[in-house]
Each structure stands twice: as C-alpha cells, then as structure tokens.
C-alpha cells in the first residue's frame, strides 16, 4: 500500500484557480475538493492528501464539503495537512492556517477516514464545533482555539488526538477520543477532555488557569478508561 496521493493548495493565489500540482496548486481547499473528476481522479485505493501552504490563511465560506470529492474510507482516507514552512526573515516555524470564518471546519458525524495534521484551526463561531467527525479519524500536531463551541468531537471508534494544543473554546476541548497522547488542553469553558468508552489517555496536560466551573476531565458512568501519566491542574474555587 502506497501513501495518499498528494494534491497542493496555496490560499495566497486566486481561489478558483490551479490544478492541484506542486507548481500549479489549487487556490482554495474547497475548490480543490470540488475539482475531483475534472483536474484529478480521487485515489480510491490509497486516498488523497491535500497539502496546504502556510503564509496566507485558508478562509472558509462554509464547512468543508466532500460532495464533489467523494467518500473517504479507512483505507483510502482524506488527509488535510499543513506543509512545513518558515516565516520569511525570521527562520521561525509557521503553521498552515484554516480560519472557519464563523463556520465549523469539518462537521460531518457520519464520515470516516478524515485526518487533519499540522494545522492551525480556529474561529468556527459561537455554538459551532471546529471539527466533528466519525470513525477512523484523527487530529495530529494541530492548534485549535475559539471562538468555537468545542475543539474536536469524535463520534465513533478508532479515533485519535495526538500532539495537539487545544485552548479557549466554549465547552469541551477534546471530546470522545479513543486514543489521546501528548496533547495540551487548556482554558476550555466547561471540560478540557471527555474521553469515550475504552479510551486510552497518556502523557497529556490538562490545565485551567482560573475558572470556578471548568473541570480537567469528565468521565461518564461505569465505562472502562485507561488514564496513565497525565498532568491535570485546575485553578479556581470549584476544582475537579
């Protein structure tokens, strides 16, 4: 099995342009998804990887929509990944950015095989989750922050949140992951993390600076959880 077939997106150019190659990238992520069947054929065996150039934010006009692209699967996923980049003149790392512009970035709880990697994602607006998806999905090495209802909500099994920084959302930071490692979740409105059934959590930091109502972790019922070597600190009068 090969890796996902790459396609390229550079938000700095005309939004309705490009063919998705490295030298002629799409100017917009949704435009690139919609050009399946015209500029490229979806890789139904290994999936596709949309590589987003850092520097200029991808600004959405609605949640990302897979209608034109087709249906990803566990074996043939849809991967949206930020390219490695540097801020000109400083040598500092720069992360590719998706601005929800008041919209969820991904909001399809019936969809499997979606992965967001090495991205800064924010501004889904009050009442909207930044990411909401189903089984065989992951979020890796991303920064997520408000205004947003929550950072990410997983609605199925075989999901993972690894190496992310999630902060300053209205309610949950990360909800219902099945595997969670190396995340920093802080200052989310009600709960930093709500794990799902059979969740394995290790080496995460859950922190609230000063909130009388926020909690580090919320466990439901008598479900079995595996919580190992995490750091949790809540500063406020109603710590839990």
Protein backbone atom coordinates (compact mmCIF):
# COMPACT_ATOMS: atom_id res chain seq x y z
CA UNK A 1 0.00 0.00 0.00
CA UNK A 2 1.32 3.42 -1.01
CA UNK A 3 0.65 6.65 0.85
CA UNK A 4 -2.18 9.01 -0.08
CA UNK A 5 -1.75 10.75 -3.43
CA UNK A 6 -0.79 14.41 -2.82
CA UNK A 7 -2.60 17.47 -4.11
CA UNK A 8 -1.50 21.02 -3.34
CA UNK A 9 -3.33 24.14 -2.14
CA UNK A 10 -1.96 27.68 -1.77
CA UNK A 11 -4.50 30.16 -0.34
CA UNK A 12 -2.29 33.07 -1.42
CA UNK A 13 -3.37 32.73 -5.07
CA UNK A 14 -6.71 33.14 -6.85
CA UNK A 15 -9.26 30.96 -5.06
CA UNK A 16 -10.80 29.50 -8.23
CA UNK A 17 -7.57 28.57 -9.94
CA UNK A 18 -4.95 25.86 -10.27
CA UNK A 19 -4.99 22.15 -10.98
CA UNK A 20 -3.58 20.81 -7.71
CA UNK A 21 0.00 20.16 -8.74
CA UNK A 22 3.00 21.39 -6.80
CA UNK A 23 3.78 24.02 -9.47
CA UNK A 24 0.13 24.95 -10.12
CA UNK A 25 -1.71 24.43 -6.82
CA UNK A 26 -5.37 24.99 -6.15
CA UNK A 27 -6.05 28.43 -4.70
CA UNK A 28 -8.70 27.19 -2.30
CA UNK A 29 -9.23 23.96 -0.37
CA UNK A 30 -12.95 23.61 -1.12
CA UNK A 31 -12.27 24.37 -4.78
CA UNK A 32 -9.71 21.58 -4.76
CA UNK A 33 -12.16 19.11 -3.24
CA UNK A 34 -14.75 20.05 -5.86
CA UNK A 35 -12.36 19.62 -8.82
CA UNK A 36 -12.31 15.84 -8.44
CA UNK A 37 -13.24 14.35 -11.79
CA UNK A 38 -12.01 17.44 -13.65
CA UNK A 39 -8.41 18.12 -12.61
CA UNK A 40 -7.75 14.79 -10.91
CA UNK A 41 -9.36 11.47 -10.05
CA UNK A 42 -9.80 10.62 -6.40
CA UNK A 43 -7.46 7.85 -5.30
CA UNK A 44 -9.99 5.24 -4.16
CA UNK A 45 -7.20 2.82 -3.15
CA UNK A 46 -4.83 4.94 -1.03
CA UNK A 47 -6.74 8.18 -0.60
CA UNK A 48 -5.60 11.76 -1.15
CA UNK A 49 -3.54 14.21 0.84
CA UNK A 50 -4.24 17.93 0.39
CA UNK A 51 -1.08 19.84 1.30
CA UNK A 52 -1.85 23.37 2.48
CA UNK A 53 0.81 26.06 2.06
CA UNK A 54 1.46 28.27 5.12
CA UNK A 55 1.58 32.04 4.97
CA UNK A 56 -1.95 33.03 3.94
CA UNK A 57 -4.92 31.62 5.89
CA UNK A 58 -7.49 29.43 4.18
CA UNK A 59 -10.72 31.33 4.97
CA UNK A 60 -13.88 29.25 4.68
CA UNK A 61 -17.32 30.34 3.50
CA UNK A 62 -18.93 27.21 4.97
CA UNK A 63 -17.86 23.85 6.44
CA UNK A 64 -15.65 21.81 4.14
CA UNK A 65 -17.86 19.64 1.94
CA UNK A 66 -16.85 16.29 0.41
CA UNK A 67 -19.76 16.09 -2.07
CA UNK A 68 -17.59 16.82 -5.10
CA UNK A 69 -14.63 14.82 -3.81
CA UNK A 70 -16.41 11.58 -2.92
CA UNK A 71 -16.44 9.37 0.14
CA UNK A 72 -13.18 8.71 2.03
CA UNK A 73 -12.73 5.38 3.79
CA UNK A 74 -10.46 3.90 6.43
CA UNK A 75 -8.17 2.51 3.71
CA UNK A 76 -8.46 5.48 1.34
CA UNK A 77 -8.61 8.49 3.66
CA UNK A 78 -8.86 12.20 3.06
CA UNK A 79 -5.85 13.87 4.70
CA UNK A 80 -5.56 17.63 5.07
CA UNK A 81 -2.04 18.52 6.14
CA UNK A 82 -0.09 21.72 6.56
CA UNK A 83 3.18 21.92 4.68
CA UNK A 84 6.27 22.75 6.68
CA UNK A 85 7.07 26.44 6.31
CA UNK A 86 9.06 29.32 7.70
CA UNK A 87 8.26 32.96 8.37
CA UNK A 88 10.37 34.90 5.91
CA UNK A 89 13.23 36.78 7.51
CA UNK A 90 12.90 35.13 10.92
CA UNK A 91 13.54 31.43 10.36
CA UNK A 92 10.67 30.66 12.75
CA UNK A 93 8.28 27.84 12.03
CA UNK A 94 4.96 28.80 10.53
CA UNK A 95 1.87 26.60 10.56
CA UNK A 96 -0.66 26.48 7.73
CA UNK A 97 -3.94 28.00 8.90
CA UNK A 98 -7.66 27.41 8.38
CA UNK A 99 -9.99 30.18 9.57
CA UNK A 100 -13.54 28.89 9.92
CA UNK A 101 -14.87 32.43 9.50
CA UNK A 102 -17.84 31.57 11.72
CA UNK A 103 -18.27 28.04 10.30
CA UNK A 104 -17.24 24.59 11.51
CA UNK A 105 -14.19 23.45 9.58
CA UNK A 106 -15.46 19.87 9.35
CA UNK A 107 -18.96 18.98 10.54
CA UNK A 108 -19.99 15.52 9.30
CA UNK A 109 -20.55 12.97 12.06
CA UNK A 110 -21.29 10.21 9.53
CA UNK A 111 -17.92 10.36 7.77
CA UNK A 112 -14.97 8.01 8.31
CA UNK A 113 -11.34 8.37 7.30
CA UNK A 114 -10.67 12.10 7.82
CA UNK A 115 -7.33 13.33 9.17
CA UNK A 116 -6.15 16.86 9.99
CA UNK A 117 -2.40 17.20 10.54
CA UNK A 118 -0.05 20.10 11.36
CA UNK A 119 -2.62 22.89 11.06
CA UNK A 120 -3.77 25.94 12.98
CA UNK A 121 -7.60 25.95 13.04
CA UNK A 122 -9.87 28.49 14.70
CA UNK A 123 -12.94 30.74 14.55
CA UNK A 124 -15.86 28.39 13.96
CA UNK A 125 -18.00 30.88 15.86
CA UNK A 126 -20.18 30.57 18.94
CA UNK A 127 -22.14 27.33 19.01
CA UNK A 128 -20.16 25.54 16.28
CA UNK A 129 -17.51 22.83 16.83
CA UNK A 130 -14.26 23.27 14.97
CA UNK A 131 -14.12 19.58 14.00
CA UNK A 132 -16.86 16.94 14.20
CA UNK A 133 -16.34 13.54 12.60
CA UNK A 134 -16.82 9.78 12.94
CA UNK A 135 -14.69 6.60 12.89
CA UNK A 136 -11.07 6.12 11.80
CA UNK A 137 -10.41 9.86 12.10
CA UNK A 138 -7.59 11.77 13.75
CA UNK A 139 -6.20 15.17 14.60
CA UNK A 140 -2.42 15.38 14.93
CA UNK A 141 0.01 18.20 15.73
CA UNK A 142 -2.66 20.89 15.37
CA UNK A 143 -3.57 24.04 17.28
CA UNK A 144 -7.31 24.62 17.78
CA UNK A 145 -8.88 27.59 19.51
CA UNK A 146 -12.00 29.71 19.69
CA UNK A 147 -14.29 31.31 19.23
CA UNK A 148 -15.73 27.80 18.95
CA UNK A 149 -18.19 25.53 20.77
CA UNK A 150 -15.52 22.86 21.18
CA UNK A 151 -12.23 21.88 19.62
CA UNK A 152 -12.95 18.41 18.27
CA UNK A 153 -15.78 15.93 18.75
CA UNK A 154 -15.24 12.32 17.68
CA UNK A 155 -18.48 10.41 17.10
CA UNK A 156 -17.12 6.90 16.54
CA UNK A 157 -14.44 4.36 17.43
CA UNK A 158 -10.80 4.10 16.30
CA UNK A 159 -10.15 7.83 16.69
CA UNK A 160 -7.03 9.62 17.88
CA UNK A 161 -5.86 13.02 19.10
CA UNK A 162 -2.07 13.21 19.21
CA UNK A 163 0.25 16.12 19.94
CA UNK A 164 -2.31 18.94 19.72
CA UNK A 165 -2.70 22.27 21.50
CA UNK A 166 -6.41 22.99 22.13
CA UNK A 167 -7.46 26.07 24.07
CA UNK A 168 -10.09 28.72 24.75
CA UNK A 169 -13.25 27.03 23.47
CA UNK A 170 -16.77 27.48 24.91
CA UNK A 171 -17.30 23.96 26.27
CA UNK A 172 -15.09 20.92 25.58
CA UNK A 173 -11.55 20.93 24.29
CA UNK A 174 -11.42 17.31 23.06
CA UNK A 175 -14.50 15.09 23.28
CA UNK A 176 -14.81 11.31 22.85
CA UNK A 177 -11.36 10.34 21.58
CA UNK A 178 -10.46 6.66 21.79
CA UNK A 179 -6.73 7.33 21.95
CA UNK A 180 -5.19 10.53 23.23
CA UNK A 181 -1.49 11.22 23.71
CA UNK A 182 0.74 14.23 24.16
CA UNK A 183 -1.92 16.94 23.99
CA UNK A 184 -2.01 20.25 25.84
CA UNK A 185 -5.64 21.23 26.53
CA UNK A 186 -6.22 24.42 28.49
CA UNK A 187 -8.77 27.07 29.40
CA UNK A 188 -11.72 25.42 27.66
CA UNK A 189 -15.04 26.57 29.09
CA UNK A 190 -16.52 23.55 30.87
CA UNK A 191 -14.32 20.48 30.32
CA UNK A 192 -10.84 20.04 28.89
CA UNK A 193 -11.36 16.37 27.91
CA UNK A 194 -14.27 13.94 27.86
CA UNK A 195 -12.93 10.51 26.85
CA UNK A 196 -15.06 7.81 25.28
CA UNK A 197 -15.53 4.12 26.13
CA UNK A 198 -12.26 2.15 26.30
CA UNK A 199 -10.26 5.34 25.85
CA UNK A 200 -6.51 5.25 26.46
CA UNK A 201 -5.08 8.58 27.64
CA UNK A 202 -1.38 9.09 28.26
CA UNK A 203 1.06 11.98 28.73
CA UNK A 204 -1.44 14.79 28.27
CA UNK A 205 -1.52 18.11 30.12
CA UNK A 206 -4.95 19.45 31.11
CA UNK A 207 -4.86 22.92 32.62
CA UNK A 208 -7.27 25.70 33.58
CA UNK A 209 -5.75 28.99 34.66
CA UNK A 210 -8.64 30.40 36.69
CA UNK A 211 -12.23 29.21 36.29
CA UNK A 212 -14.66 28.27 39.04
CA UNK A 213 -16.68 25.90 36.84
CA UNK A 214 -14.25 24.23 34.44
CA UNK A 215 -13.01 20.68 35.01
CA UNK A 216 -9.99 18.84 33.72
CA UNK A 217 -11.72 15.61 32.74
CA UNK A 218 -15.29 14.31 32.66
CA UNK A 219 -15.88 10.55 32.92
CA UNK A 220 -19.26 9.05 32.07
CA UNK A 221 -20.82 6.22 34.09
CA UNK A 222 -19.02 2.93 34.71
CA UNK A 223 -17.21 2.74 31.37
CA UNK A 224 -13.63 1.41 31.50
CA UNK A 225 -10.96 4.07 30.94
CA UNK A 226 -7.18 3.80 30.84
CA UNK A 227 -5.66 7.06 32.10
CA UNK A 228 -1.90 6.91 32.58
CA UNK A 229 0.77 9.55 33.35
CA UNK A 230 -1.26 12.70 32.69
CA UNK A 231 -0.87 16.08 34.38
CA UNK A 232 -4.03 17.92 35.45
CA UNK A 233 -4.24 21.29 37.17
CA UNK A 234 -7.31 23.45 37.78
CA UNK A 235 -7.02 26.83 39.49
CA UNK A 236 -10.37 28.02 40.83
CA UNK A 237 -12.79 27.71 43.73
CA UNK A 238 -14.62 24.67 42.32
CA UNK A 239 -11.72 22.45 41.31
CA UNK A 240 -12.42 18.99 39.89
